[in-house]
PDB file of N, CA and C in Angstrom:
ATOM      1  N   MET A   1       0.783  -1.214  -0.080  1.00  0.00           N
ATOM      2  CA  MET A   1       0.030   0.002  -0.113  1.00  0.00           C
ATOM      3  C   MET A   1       0.804   1.260  -0.007  1.00  0.00           C
ATOM      4  N   GLY A   2       1.947   1.093   0.534  1.00  0.00           N
ATOM      5  CA  GLY A   2       2.916   2.313   0.586  1.00  0.00           C
ATOM      6  C   GLY A   2       3.725   2.533  -0.545  1.00  0.00           C
ATOM      7  N   GLY A   3       3.658   1.732  -1.671  1.00  0.00           N
ATOM      8  CA  GLY A   3       4.243   1.943  -2.828  1.00  0.00           C
ATOM      9  C   GLY A   3       3.788   3.110  -3.705  1.00  0.00           C
ATOM     10  N   ARG A   4       4.461   3.458  -4.621  1.00  0.00           N
ATOM     11  CA  ARG A   4       4.023   4.667  -5.405  1.00  0.00           C
ATOM     12  C   ARG A   4       2.542   4.557  -5.994  1.00  0.00           C
ATOM     13  N   GLU A   5       2.264   3.299  -6.515  1.00  0.00           N
ATOM     14  CA  GLU A   5       0.858   3.058  -7.182  1.00  0.00           C
ATOM     15  C   GLU A   5      -0.145   3.030  -6.086  1.00  0.00           C
ATOM     16  N   GLY A   6       0.136   2.344  -4.857  1.00  0.00           N
ATOM     17  CA  GLY A   6      -0.955   2.398  -3.797  1.00  0.00           C
ATOM     18  C   GLY A   6      -1.105   3.793  -3.251  1.00  0.00           C
ATOM     19  N   LEU A   7      -0.077   4.616  -3.073  1.00  0.00           N
ATOM     20  CA  LEU A   7      -0.148   6.054  -2.599  1.00  0.00           C
ATOM     21  C   LEU A   7      -1.037   6.727  -3.502  1.00  0.00           C
ATOM     22  N   ALA A   8      -0.652   6.626  -4.895  1.00  0.00           N
ATOM     23  CA  ALA A   8      -1.221   7.414  -5.901  1.00  0.00           C
ATOM     24  C   ALA A   8      -2.780   7.134  -5.962  1.00  0.00           C
ATOM     25  N   ALA A   9      -3.091   5.824  -5.817  1.00  0.00           N
ATOM     26  CA  ALA A   9      -4.527   5.458  -5.937  1.00  0.00           C
ATOM     27  C   ALA A   9      -5.284   6.070  -4.699  1.00  0.00           C
ATOM     28  N   ILE A  10      -4.856   5.963  -3.530  1.00  0.00           N
ATOM     29  CA  ILE A  10      -5.499   6.443  -2.320  1.00  0.00           C
ATOM     30  C   ILE A  10      -5.612   7.953  -2.282  1.00  0.00           C
ATOM     31  N   SER A  11      -4.475   8.547  -2.852  1.00  0.00           N
ATOM     32  CA  SER A  11      -4.453  10.048  -2.990  1.00  0.00           C
ATOM     33  C   SER A  11      -5.489  10.604  -3.853  1.00  0.00           C
ATOM     34  N   GLU A  12      -5.663   9.931  -5.021  1.00  0.00           N
ATOM     35  CA  GLU A  12      -6.728  10.144  -5.949  1.00  0.00           C
ATOM     36  C   GLU A  12      -8.114  10.094  -5.282  1.00  0.00           C
ATOM     37  N   LEU A  13      -8.344   8.989  -4.667  1.00  0.00           N
ATOM     38  CA  LEU A  13      -9.559   8.644  -3.942  1.00  0.00           C
ATOM     39  C   LEU A  13      -9.954   9.793  -2.939  1.00  0.00           C
ATOM     40  N   ALA A  14      -8.879  10.110  -2.163  1.00  0.00           N
ATOM     41  CA  ALA A  14      -9.072  11.050  -0.965  1.00  0.00           C
ATOM     42  C   ALA A  14      -9.104  12.510  -1.439  1.00  0.00           C
ATOM     43  N   GLY A  15      -8.518  12.818  -2.726  1.00  0.00           N
ATOM     44  CA  GLY A  15      -8.576  14.080  -3.171  1.00  0.00           C
ATOM     45  C   GLY A  15      -7.391  14.906  -2.533  1.00  0.00           C
ATOM     46  N   ARG A  16      -6.395  14.328  -1.928  1.00  0.00           N
ATOM     47  CA  ARG A  16      -5.290  15.029  -1.386  1.00  0.00           C
ATOM     48  C   ARG A  16      -4.065  14.221  -1.424  1.00  0.00           C
ATOM     49  N   ALA A  17      -3.005  14.909  -1.419  1.00  0.00           N
ATOM     50  CA  ALA A  17      -1.672  14.198  -1.609  1.00  0.00           C
ATOM     51  C   ALA A  17      -1.293  13.587  -0.246  1.00  0.00           C
ATOM     52  N   LEU A  18      -0.904  12.366  -0.370  1.00  0.00           N
ATOM     53  CA  LEU A  18      -0.500  11.476   0.825  1.00  0.00           C
ATOM     54  C   LEU A  18       1.084  11.176   0.708  1.00  0.00           C
ATOM     55  N   GLY A  19       1.661  10.998   1.786  1.00  0.00           N
ATOM     56  CA  GLY A  19       3.036  10.866   1.812  1.00  0.00           C
ATOM     57  C   GLY A  19       3.623   9.554   2.300  1.00  0.00           C
ATOM     58  N   ARG A  20       2.879   9.028   3.255  1.00  0.00           N
ATOM     59  CA  ARG A  20       3.427   7.700   3.725  1.00  0.00           C
ATOM     60  C   ARG A  20       2.166   6.880   4.394  1.00  0.00           C
ATOM     61  N   VAL A  21       2.457   5.689   4.712  1.00  0.00           N
ATOM     62  CA  VAL A  21       1.357   4.906   5.267  1.00  0.00           C
ATOM     63  C   VAL A  21       1.995   3.942   6.234  1.00  0.00           C
ATOM     64  N   ASP A  22       1.218   3.556   7.378  1.00  0.00           N
ATOM     65  CA  ASP A  22       1.751   2.516   8.244  1.00  0.00           C
ATOM     66  C   ASP A  22       0.615   1.433   8.323  1.00  0.00           C
ATOM     67  N   MET A  23       1.040   0.335   9.011  1.00  0.00           N
ATOM     68  CA  MET A  23       0.036  -0.772   9.009  1.00  0.00           C
ATOM     69  C   MET A  23       0.207  -1.583  10.250  1.00  0.00           C
ATOM     70  N   ARG A  24      -0.872  -2.103  10.788  1.00  0.00           N
ATOM     71  CA  ARG A  24      -0.916  -2.909  12.013  1.00  0.00           C
ATOM     72  C   ARG A  24      -1.830  -4.056  11.724  1.00  0.00           C
ATOM     73  N   ALA A  25      -1.736  -5.171  12.399  1.00  0.00           N
ATOM     74  CA  ALA A  25      -2.425  -6.352  12.181  1.00  0.00           C
ATOM     75  C   ALA A  25      -3.411  -6.383  13.444  1.00  0.00           C
ATOM     76  N   PHE A  26      -4.672  -6.721  13.280  1.00  0.00           N
ATOM     77  CA  PHE A  26      -5.673  -6.864  14.316  1.00  0.00           C
ATOM     78  C   PHE A  26      -6.341  -8.220  14.287  1.00  0.00           C
ATOM     79  N   ALA A  27      -6.581  -8.912  15.569  1.00  0.00           N
ATOM     80  CA  ALA A  27      -7.436 -10.060  15.466  1.00  0.00           C
ATOM     81  C   ALA A  27      -8.465  -9.836  16.559  1.00  0.00           C
ATOM     82  N   TYR A  28      -9.658  -9.781  16.303  1.00  0.00           N
ATOM     83  CA  TYR A  28     -10.750  -9.657  17.229  1.00  0.00           C
ATOM     84  C   TYR A  28     -11.460 -11.032  17.479  1.00  0.00           C
ATOM     85  N   HIS A  29     -11.441 -11.408  18.744  1.00  0.00           N
ATOM     86  CA  HIS A  29     -12.074 -12.674  19.036  1.00  0.00           C
ATOM     87  C   HIS A  29     -13.320 -12.445  19.790  1.00  0.00           C
ATOM     88  N   PRO A  30     -14.147 -13.401  19.891  1.00  0.00           N
ATOM     89  CA  PRO A  30     -15.550 -13.237  20.648  1.00  0.00           C
ATOM     90  C   PRO A  30     -15.394 -12.365  21.854  1.00  0.00           C
ATOM     91  N   GLY A  31     -16.187 -11.369  21.978  1.00  0.00           N
ATOM     92  CA  GLY A  31     -16.141 -10.358  23.077  1.00  0.00           C
ATOM     93  C   GLY A  31     -15.335  -9.115  22.857  1.00  0.00           C
ATOM     94  N   HIS A  32     -14.529  -9.133  21.670  1.00  0.00           N
ATOM     95  CA  HIS A  32     -13.761  -7.915  21.396  1.00  0.00           C
ATOM     96  C   HIS A  32     -14.622  -6.909  20.588  1.00  0.00           C
ATOM     97  N   TYR A  33     -14.307  -5.637  20.975  1.00  0.00           N
ATOM     98  CA  TYR A  33     -15.075  -4.564  20.198  1.00  0.00           C
ATOM     99  C   TYR A  33     -14.188  -3.310  20.458  1.00  0.00           C
ATOM    100  N   LEU A  34     -14.595  -2.262  19.689  1.00  0.00           N
ATOM    101  CA  LEU A  34     -14.022  -0.895  19.933  1.00  0.00           C
ATOM    102  C   LEU A  34     -15.183   0.168  20.178  1.00  0.00           C
ATOM    103  N   LEU A  35     -15.148   0.884  21.052  1.00  0.00           N
ATOM    104  CA  LEU A  35     -16.211   1.990  21.323  1.00  0.00           C
ATOM    105  C   LEU A  35     -16.011   3.084  20.268  1.00  0.00           C
ATOM    106  N   PRO A  36     -17.046   3.821  20.113  1.00  0.00           N
ATOM    107  CA  PRO A  36     -16.801   5.072  19.129  1.00  0.00           C
ATOM    108  C   PRO A  36     -15.709   5.954  19.442  1.00  0.00           C
ATOM    109  N   HIS A  37     -14.929   6.223  18.418  1.00  0.00           N
ATOM    110  CA  HIS A  37     -13.662   7.137  18.652  1.00  0.00           C
ATOM    111  C   HIS A  37     -13.430   7.678  17.306  1.00  0.00           C
ATOM    112  N   THR A  38     -12.430   8.587  17.382  1.00  0.00           N
ATOM    113  CA  THR A  38     -11.843   9.113  16.024  1.00  0.00           C
ATOM    114  C   THR A  38     -10.356   8.946  16.181  1.00  0.00           C
ATOM    115  N   ASP A  39      -9.787   8.669  15.024  1.00  0.00           N
ATOM    116  CA  ASP A  39      -8.233   8.580  15.041  1.00  0.00           C
ATOM    117  C   ASP A  39      -7.571   9.907  14.746  1.00  0.00           C
ATOM    118  N   HIS A  40      -8.283  10.863  14.848  1.00  0.00           N
ATOM    119  CA  HIS A  40      -7.714  12.288  14.659  1.00  0.00           C
ATOM    120  C   HIS A  40      -6.639  12.585  15.696  1.00  0.00           C
ATOM    121  N   ASP A  41      -5.488  13.015  15.221  1.00  0.00           N
ATOM    122  CA  ASP A  41      -4.479  13.553  16.077  1.00  0.00           C
ATOM    123  C   ASP A  41      -3.708  14.691  15.180  1.00  0.00           C
ATOM    124  N   ALA A  42      -3.976  15.862  15.628  1.00  0.00           N
ATOM    125  CA  ALA A  42      -3.522  17.002  14.841  1.00  0.00           C
ATOM    126  C   ALA A  42      -1.996  16.917  14.523  1.00  0.00           C
ATOM    127  N   ASP A  43      -1.292  16.439  15.629  1.00  0.00           N
ATOM    128  CA  ASP A  43       0.223  16.397  15.540  1.00  0.00           C
ATOM    129  C   ASP A  43       0.642  15.220  14.576  1.00  0.00           C
ATOM    130  N   ALA A  44      -0.207  14.192  14.478  1.00  0.00           N
ATOM    131  CA  ALA A  44       0.301  13.026  13.743  1.00  0.00           C
ATOM    132  C   ALA A  44       0.070  13.077  12.247  1.00  0.00           C
ATOM    133  N   GLU A  45      -0.813  14.039  11.797  1.00  0.00           N
ATOM    134  CA  GLU A  45      -1.138  14.274  10.520  1.00  0.00           C
ATOM    135  C   GLU A  45      -1.918  13.147   9.684  1.00  0.00           C
ATOM    136  N   ARG A  46      -2.577  12.343  10.446  1.00  0.00           N
ATOM    137  CA  ARG A  46      -3.261  11.332   9.722  1.00  0.00           C
ATOM    138  C   ARG A  46      -4.418  11.794   8.847  1.00  0.00           C
ATOM    139  N   LEU A  47      -4.586  11.379   7.655  1.00  0.00           N
ATOM    140  CA  LEU A  47      -5.434  11.982   6.650  1.00  0.00           C
ATOM    141  C   LEU A  47      -6.610  10.936   6.359  1.00  0.00           C
ATOM    142  N   VAL A  48      -6.093   9.768   6.152  1.00  0.00           N
ATOM    143  CA  VAL A  48      -7.028   8.625   5.724  1.00  0.00           C
ATOM    144  C   VAL A  48      -6.749   7.435   6.507  1.00  0.00           C
ATOM    145  N   ALA A  49      -7.819   6.845   6.995  1.00  0.00           N
ATOM    146  CA  ALA A  49      -7.738   5.348   7.717  1.00  0.00           C
ATOM    147  C   ALA A  49      -8.203   4.349   6.731  1.00  0.00           C
ATOM    148  N   TYR A  50      -7.725   3.156   7.003  1.00  0.00           N
ATOM    149  CA  TYR A  50      -8.089   2.034   6.120  1.00  0.00           C
ATOM    150  C   TYR A  50      -8.090   0.740   7.007  1.00  0.00           C
ATOM    151  N   ALA A  51      -8.858  -0.215   6.432  1.00  0.00           N
ATOM    152  CA  ALA A  51      -8.853  -1.525   7.148  1.00  0.00           C
ATOM    153  C   ALA A  51      -9.031  -2.549   5.856  1.00  0.00           C
ATOM    154  N   LEU A  52      -8.254  -3.495   5.935  1.00  0.00           N
ATOM    155  CA  LEU A  52      -8.334  -4.614   4.874  1.00  0.00           C
ATOM    156  C   LEU A  52      -8.613  -5.906   5.609  1.00  0.00           C
ATOM    157  N   TYR A  53      -9.826  -6.392   5.381  1.00  0.00           N
ATOM    158  CA  TYR A  53     -10.215  -7.622   6.052  1.00  0.00           C
ATOM    159  C   TYR A  53      -9.707  -8.871   5.451  1.00  0.00           C
ATOM    160  N   LEU A  54      -9.049  -9.772   6.249  1.00  0.00           N
ATOM    161  CA  LEU A  54      -8.411 -10.980   5.816  1.00  0.00           C
ATOM    162  C   LEU A  54      -9.294 -12.153   5.798  1.00  0.00           C
ATOM    163  N   ASP A  55      -8.979 -13.150   5.095  1.00  0.00           N
ATOM    164  CA  ASP A  55      -9.623 -14.516   5.220  1.00  0.00           C
ATOM    165  C   ASP A  55      -9.263 -15.107   6.541  1.00  0.00           C
ATOM    166  N   THR A  56     -10.192 -15.861   7.124  1.00  0.00           N
ATOM    167  CA  THR A  56      -9.931 -16.465   8.311  1.00  0.00           C
ATOM    168  C   THR A  56     -10.589 -17.881   8.374  1.00  0.00           C
ATOM    169  N   PRO A  57     -10.042 -18.839   9.114  1.00  0.00           N
ATOM    170  CA  PRO A  57     -10.666 -20.171   9.081  1.00  0.00           C
ATOM    171  C   PRO A  57     -12.069 -20.154   9.790  1.00  0.00           C
ATOM    172  N   GLU A  58     -12.211 -19.158  10.568  1.00  0.00           N
ATOM    173  CA  GLU A  58     -13.522 -19.000  11.332  1.00  0.00           C
ATOM    174  C   GLU A  58     -14.076 -17.552  11.023  1.00  0.00           C
ATOM    175  N   PRO A  59     -14.781 -17.388  10.015  1.00  0.00           N
ATOM    176  CA  PRO A  59     -15.367 -16.145   9.610  1.00  0.00           C
ATOM    177  C   PRO A  59     -16.148 -15.539  10.828  1.00  0.00           C
ATOM    178  N   PRO A  60     -16.040 -14.293  11.043  1.00  0.00           N
ATOM    179  CA  PRO A  60     -16.664 -13.644  12.237  1.00  0.00           C
ATOM    180  C   PRO A  60     -18.156 -13.475  12.010  1.00  0.00           C
ATOM    181  N   THR A  61     -18.824 -13.593  13.197  1.00  0.00           N
ATOM    182  CA  THR A  61     -20.119 -13.082  13.396  1.00  0.00           C
ATOM    183  C   THR A  61     -20.046 -11.779  14.151  1.00  0.00           C
ATOM    184  N   GLY A  62     -20.686 -10.656  13.686  1.00  0.00           N
ATOM    185  CA  GLY A  62     -20.381  -9.420  14.428  1.00  0.00           C
ATOM    186  C   GLY A  62     -19.006  -8.813  13.817  1.00  0.00           C
ATOM    187  N   GLY A  63     -18.490  -7.882  14.548  1.00  0.00           N
ATOM    188  CA  GLY A  63     -17.293  -7.193  14.179  1.00  0.00           C
ATOM    189  C   GLY A  63     -17.462  -6.180  13.003  1.00  0.00           C
ATOM    190  N   GLU A  64     -18.658  -5.697  12.843  1.00  0.00           N
ATOM    191  CA  GLU A  64     -18.906  -4.719  11.760  1.00  0.00           C
ATOM    192  C   GLU A  64     -18.315  -3.400  12.183  1.00  0.00           C
ATOM    193  N   LEU A  65     -17.939  -2.619  11.122  1.00  0.00           N
ATOM    194  CA  LEU A  65     -17.392  -1.345  11.278  1.00  0.00           C
ATOM    195  C   LEU A  65     -18.550  -0.311  11.136  1.00  0.00           C
ATOM    196  N   ASP A  66     -18.871   0.457  12.201  1.00  0.00           N
ATOM    197  CA  ASP A  66     -19.877   1.582  12.007  1.00  0.00           C
ATOM    198  C   ASP A  66     -19.186   2.882  11.852  1.00  0.00           C
ATOM    199  N   LEU A  67     -19.588   3.627  10.787  1.00  0.00           N
ATOM    200  CA  LEU A  67     -19.174   4.948  10.495  1.00  0.00           C
ATOM    201  C   LEU A  67     -20.327   5.953  10.954  1.00  0.00           C
ATOM    202  N   PHE A  68     -20.053   6.941  11.781  1.00  0.00           N
ATOM    203  CA  PHE A  68     -21.000   7.780  12.192  1.00  0.00           C
ATOM    204  C   PHE A  68     -21.120   9.102  11.469  1.00  0.00           C
ATOM    205  N   ALA A  69     -22.343   9.642  11.363  1.00  0.00           N
ATOM    206  CA  ALA A  69     -22.514  10.909  10.883  1.00  0.00           C
ATOM    207  C   ALA A  69     -22.650  11.742  12.191  1.00  0.00           C
ATOM    208  N   CYS A  70     -22.056  12.997  12.207  1.00  0.00           N
ATOM    209  CA  CYS A  70     -22.027  13.872  13.424  1.00  0.00           C
ATOM    210  C   CYS A  70     -22.650  15.145  13.140  1.00  0.00           C
ATOM    211  N   ARG A  71     -23.458  15.646  14.151  1.00  0.00           N
ATOM    212  CA  ARG A  71     -24.008  17.032  14.136  1.00  0.00           C
ATOM    213  C   ARG A  71     -23.131  17.806  15.035  1.00  0.00           C
ATOM    214  N   VAL A  72     -22.520  18.929  14.579  1.00  0.00           N
ATOM    215  CA  VAL A  72     -21.625  19.742  15.233  1.00  0.00           C
ATOM    216  C   VAL A  72     -22.298  21.134  15.539  1.00  0.00           C
ATOM    217  N   GLU A  73     -22.181  21.584  16.707  1.00  0.00           N
ATOM    218  CA  GLU A  73     -22.551  22.945  17.013  1.00  0.00           C
ATOM    219  C   GLU A  73     -21.412  23.624  17.811  1.00  0.00           C
ATOM    220  N   ASP A  74     -21.145  24.741  17.473  1.00  0.00           N
ATOM    221  CA  ASP A  74     -20.017  25.512  18.032  1.00  0.00           C
ATOM    222  C   ASP A  74     -18.788  24.688  18.295  1.00  0.00           C
ATOM    223  N   GLY A  75     -18.457  23.943  17.225  1.00  0.00           N
ATOM    224  CA  GLY A  75     -17.299  23.166  17.186  1.00  0.00           C
ATOM    225  C   GLY A  75     -17.327  21.905  18.100  1.00  0.00           C
ATOM    226  N   GLU A  76     -18.469  21.630  18.676  1.00  0.00           N
ATOM    227  CA  GLU A  76     -18.594  20.388  19.477  1.00  0.00           C
ATOM    228  C   GLU A  76     -19.547  19.437  18.780  1.00  0.00           C
ATOM    229  N   ILE A  77     -19.251  18.076  18.859  1.00  0.00           N
ATOM    230  CA  ILE A  77     -20.219  17.006  18.439  1.00  0.00           C
ATOM    231  C   ILE A  77     -21.369  17.029  19.423  1.00  0.00           C
ATOM    232  N   VAL A  78     -22.636  17.245  18.986  1.00  0.00           N
ATOM    233  CA  VAL A  78     -23.674  17.279  19.869  1.00  0.00           C
ATOM    234  C   VAL A  78     -24.650  16.150  19.693  1.00  0.00           C
ATOM    235  N   ALA A  79     -24.531  15.437  18.533  1.00  0.00           N
ATOM    236  CA  ALA A  79     -25.316  14.245  18.245  1.00  0.00           C
ATOM    237  C   ALA A  79     -24.644  13.407  17.178  1.00  0.00           C
ATOM    238  N   THR A  80     -24.923  12.057  17.214  1.00  0.00           N
ATOM    239  CA  THR A  80     -24.394  11.164  16.271  1.00  0.00           C
ATOM    240  C   THR A  80     -25.425  10.135  15.895  1.00  0.00           C
ATOM    241  N   GLU A  81     -25.200   9.503  14.771  1.00  0.00           N
ATOM    242  CA  GLU A  81     -26.023   8.402  14.355  1.00  0.00           C
ATOM    243  C   GLU A  81     -25.215   7.546  13.407  1.00  0.00           C
ATOM    244  N   VAL A  82     -25.458   6.335  13.351  1.00  0.00           N
ATOM    245  CA  VAL A  82     -24.750   5.393  12.460  1.00  0.00           C
ATOM    246  C   VAL A  82     -25.118   5.778  11.080  1.00  0.00           C
ATOM    247  N   ALA A  83     -24.199   6.114  10.215  1.00  0.00           N
ATOM    248  CA  ALA A  83     -24.473   6.464   8.817  1.00  0.00           C
ATOM    249  C   ALA A  83     -24.183   5.339   7.881  1.00  0.00           C
ATOM    250  N   ARG A  84     -23.289   4.400   8.249  1.00  0.00           N
ATOM    251  CA  ARG A  84     -22.961   3.305   7.339  1.00  0.00           C
ATOM    252  C   ARG A  84     -22.314   2.191   8.258  1.00  0.00           C
ATOM    253  N   THR A  85     -22.803   0.943   8.064  1.00  0.00           N
ATOM    254  CA  THR A  85     -22.290  -0.233   8.656  1.00  0.00           C
ATOM    255  C   THR A  85     -21.694  -1.196   7.641  1.00  0.00           C
ATOM    256  N   ILE A  86     -20.513  -1.504   7.884  1.00  0.00           N
ATOM    257  CA  ILE A  86     -19.594  -2.248   6.937  1.00  0.00           C
ATOM    258  C   ILE A  86     -19.255  -3.678   7.468  1.00  0.00           C
ATOM    259  N   GLU A  87     -19.662  -4.772   6.782  1.00  0.00           N
ATOM    260  CA  GLU A  87     -19.391  -6.024   7.374  1.00  0.00           C
ATOM    261  C   GLU A  87     -17.988  -6.413   6.918  1.00  0.00           C
ATOM    262  N   PRO A  88     -17.370  -7.084   7.947  1.00  0.00           N
ATOM    263  CA  PRO A  88     -15.902  -7.378   7.717  1.00  0.00           C
ATOM    264  C   PRO A  88     -15.708  -8.646   6.733  1.00  0.00           C
ATOM    265  N   VAL A  89     -15.947  -8.362   5.560  1.00  0.00           N
ATOM    266  CA  VAL A  89     -15.893  -9.500   4.541  1.00  0.00           C
ATOM    267  C   VAL A  89     -14.426  -9.661   3.958  1.00  0.00           C
ATOM    268  N   SER A  90     -13.971 -10.800   3.802  1.00  0.00           N
ATOM    269  CA  SER A  90     -12.630 -11.031   3.421  1.00  0.00           C
ATOM    270  C   SER A  90     -12.247 -10.418   2.064  1.00  0.00           C
ATOM    271  N   ASN A  91     -11.081  -9.774   2.078  1.00  0.00           N
ATOM    272  CA  ASN A  91     -10.567  -9.079   0.875  1.00  0.00           C
ATOM    273  C   ASN A  91     -11.188  -7.749   0.744  1.00  0.00           C
ATOM    274  N   ARG A  92     -11.996  -7.256   1.579  1.00  0.00           N
ATOM    275  CA  ARG A  92     -12.671  -5.924   1.595  1.00  0.00           C
ATOM    276  C   ARG A  92     -11.751  -4.982   2.021  1.00  0.00           C
ATOM    277  N   LEU A  93     -11.527  -3.919   1.265  1.00  0.00           N
ATOM    278  CA  LEU A  93     -10.836  -2.704   1.636  1.00  0.00           C
ATOM    279  C   LEU A  93     -11.724  -1.540   2.010  1.00  0.00           C
ATOM    280  N   VAL A  94     -11.625  -1.024   3.242  1.00  0.00           N
ATOM    281  CA  VAL A  94     -12.438   0.185   3.601  1.00  0.00           C
ATOM    282  C   VAL A  94     -11.554   1.259   3.908  1.00  0.00           C
ATOM    283  N   VAL A  95     -11.889   2.431   3.286  1.00  0.00           N
ATOM    284  CA  VAL A  95     -10.954   3.683   3.401  1.00  0.00           C
ATOM    285  C   VAL A  95     -11.961   4.701   3.891  1.00  0.00           C
ATOM    286  N   PHE A  96     -11.533   5.520   4.729  1.00  0.00           N
ATOM    287  CA  PHE A  96     -12.355   6.642   5.275  1.00  0.00           C
ATOM    288  C   PHE A  96     -11.346   7.805   5.680  1.00  0.00           C
ATOM    289  N   GLU A  97     -11.979   9.054   5.591  1.00  0.00           N
ATOM    290  CA  GLU A  97     -11.209  10.244   5.977  1.00  0.00           C
ATOM    291  C   GLU A  97     -11.069  10.245   7.528  1.00  0.00           C
ATOM    292  N   VAL A  98      -9.942  10.777   7.989  1.00  0.00           N
ATOM    293  CA  VAL A  98      -9.705  11.026   9.382  1.00  0.00           C
ATOM    294  C   VAL A  98      -9.808  12.523   9.731  1.00  0.00           C
ATOM    295  N   GLY A  99     -10.606  12.837  10.670  1.00  0.00           N
ATOM    296  CA  GLY A  99     -10.825  14.221  11.099  1.00  0.00           C
ATOM    297  C   GLY A  99     -11.546  14.263  12.540  1.00  0.00           C
ATOM    298  N   PRO A 100     -11.682  15.377  13.077  1.00  0.00           N
ATOM    299  CA  PRO A 100     -12.209  15.466  14.400  1.00  0.00           C
ATOM    300  C   PRO A 100     -13.644  14.841  14.580  1.00  0.00           C
ATOM    301  N   THR A 101     -14.299  14.682  13.419  1.00  0.00           N
ATOM    302  CA  THR A 101     -15.721  14.309  13.521  1.00  0.00           C
ATOM    303  C   THR A 101     -15.768  12.986  12.744  1.00  0.00           C
ATOM    304  N   SER A 102     -14.743  12.233  12.615  1.00  0.00           N
ATOM    305  CA  SER A 102     -14.841  10.853  11.821  1.00  0.00           C
ATOM    306  C   SER A 102     -14.916   9.700  12.855  1.00  0.00           C
ATOM    307  N   LEU A 103     -16.045   9.796  13.581  1.00  0.00           N
ATOM    308  CA  LEU A 103     -16.290   8.802  14.636  1.00  0.00           C
ATOM    309  C   LEU A 103     -16.530   7.435  13.932  1.00  0.00           C
ATOM    310  N   HIS A 104     -16.029   6.434  14.540  1.00  0.00           N
ATOM    311  CA  HIS A 104     -16.257   5.012  13.956  1.00  0.00           C
ATOM    312  C   HIS A 104     -16.175   4.090  15.302  1.00  0.00           C
ATOM    313  N   GLN A 105     -16.691   2.881  15.014  1.00  0.00           N
ATOM    314  CA  GLN A 105     -16.598   1.781  16.004  1.00  0.00           C
ATOM    315  C   GLN A 105     -16.582   0.527  15.397  1.00  0.00           C
ATOM    316  N   VAL A 106     -16.070  -0.476  16.211  1.00  0.00           N
ATOM    317  CA  VAL A 106     -16.179  -1.860  15.705  1.00  0.00           C
ATOM    318  C   VAL A 106     -17.173  -2.593  16.722  1.00  0.00           C
ATOM    319  N   ARG A 107     -18.204  -3.159  16.091  1.00  0.00           N
ATOM    320  CA  ARG A 107     -19.255  -3.815  16.975  1.00  0.00           C
ATOM    321  C   ARG A 107     -18.574  -5.117  17.535  1.00  0.00           C
ATOM    322  N   GLU A 108     -19.173  -5.637  18.577  1.00  0.00           N
ATOM    323  CA  GLU A 108     -18.657  -6.798  19.241  1.00  0.00           C
ATOM    324  C   GLU A 108     -18.683  -8.003  18.203  1.00  0.00           C
ATOM    325  N   VAL A 109     -17.516  -8.726  18.265  1.00  0.00           N
ATOM    326  CA  VAL A 109     -17.470 -10.035  17.648  1.00  0.00           C
ATOM    327  C   VAL A 109     -18.138 -11.008  18.538  1.00  0.00           C
ATOM    328  N   THR A 110     -19.186 -11.807  18.085  1.00  0.00           N
ATOM    329  CA  THR A 110     -19.841 -12.840  18.913  1.00  0.00           C
ATOM    330  C   THR A 110     -19.364 -14.253  18.646  1.00  0.00           C
ATOM    331  N   ALA A 111     -18.728 -14.446  17.424  1.00  0.00           N
ATOM    332  CA  ALA A 111     -18.237 -15.726  17.079  1.00  0.00           C
ATOM    333  C   ALA A 111     -17.153 -15.578  16.051  1.00  0.00           C
ATOM    334  N   GLY A 112     -16.307 -16.618  15.863  1.00  0.00           N
ATOM    335  CA  GLY A 112     -15.319 -16.543  14.914  1.00  0.00           C
ATOM    336  C   GLY A 112     -14.266 -15.490  15.197  1.00  0.00           C
ATOM    337  N   ILE A 113     -13.410 -15.214  14.134  1.00  0.00           N
ATOM    338  CA  ILE A 113     -12.403 -14.323  14.386  1.00  0.00           C
ATOM    339  C   ILE A 113     -12.328 -13.297  13.232  1.00  0.00           C
ATOM    340  N   ARG A 114     -12.241 -11.873  13.557  1.00  0.00           N
ATOM    341  CA  ARG A 114     -12.127 -10.849  12.570  1.00  0.00           C
ATOM    342  C   ARG A 114     -10.650 -10.381  12.499  1.00  0.00           C
ATOM    343  N   LEU A 115     -10.132 -10.713  11.398  1.00  0.00           N
ATOM    344  CA  LEU A 115      -8.762 -10.379  11.106  1.00  0.00           C
ATOM    345  C   LEU A 115      -8.666  -9.196  10.112  1.00  0.00           C
ATOM    346  N   SER A 116      -7.711  -8.329  10.394  1.00  0.00           N
ATOM    347  CA  SER A 116      -7.566  -7.167   9.483  1.00  0.00           C
ATOM    348  C   SER A 116      -6.170  -6.595   9.569  1.00  0.00           C
ATOM    349  N   LEU A 117      -5.801  -5.946   8.476  1.00  0.00           N
ATOM    350  CA  LEU A 117      -4.695  -5.079   8.401  1.00  0.00           C
ATOM    351  C   LEU A 117      -5.202  -3.600   8.431  1.00  0.00           C
ATOM    352  N   ALA A 118      -4.721  -2.756   9.258  1.00  0.00           N
ATOM    353  CA  ALA A 118      -5.365  -1.444   9.287  1.00  0.00           C
ATOM    354  C   ALA A 118      -4.179  -0.467   9.604  1.00  0.00           C
ATOM    355  N   GLY A 119      -4.463   0.790   9.293  1.00  0.00           N
ATOM    356  CA  GLY A 119      -3.571   1.926   9.603  1.00  0.00           C
ATOM    357  C   GLY A 119      -3.939   3.110   9.053  1.00  0.00           C
ATOM    358  N   TRP A 120      -3.068   4.047   8.674  1.00  0.00           N
ATOM    359  CA  TRP A 120      -3.377   5.318   8.311  1.00  0.00           C
ATOM    360  C   TRP A 120      -2.504   5.803   7.188  1.00  0.00           C
ATOM    361  N   PHE A 121      -2.876   6.671   6.361  1.00  0.00           N
ATOM    362  CA  PHE A 121      -2.113   7.378   5.435  1.00  0.00           C
ATOM    363  C   PHE A 121      -1.898   8.823   5.932  1.00  0.00           C
ATOM    364  N   TYR A 122      -0.714   9.391   5.750  1.00  0.00           N
ATOM    365  CA  TYR A 122      -0.339  10.595   6.395  1.00  0.00           C
ATOM    366  C   TYR A 122      -0.007  11.655   5.267  1.00  0.00           C
ATOM    367  N   ALA A 123       0.024  12.961   5.658  1.00  0.00           N
ATOM    368  CA  ALA A 123       0.400  14.018   4.770  1.00  0.00           C
ATOM    369  C   ALA A 123       1.824  13.790   4.240  1.00  0.00           C
TER     370      ALA A 123
END
């Protein structure tokens, strides 16, 4: 993903120049989840987040990624609602913008294993 072609493709999709990418591996087992949060960190210059779901011998039940729509007043989030729910299907790449209102969560895995490679593209 960090090669010239990968950076160019994601830069075009995001509509902004991206300079580098990092990657981590995640394994969510039954009972694992992430509460709503944003990956925004002004000092880190994260611009785009991604998750690539991997094939697993025990496909997950649960573990969906929720992306939230946020209503902002006076610079503060005052209301949220799930705008999109994305199932962790093997070989699916999910890409979304990182900002102060890019809230997302991972729903609880109730069975199987949710495997992914995930990280951020930076300025």
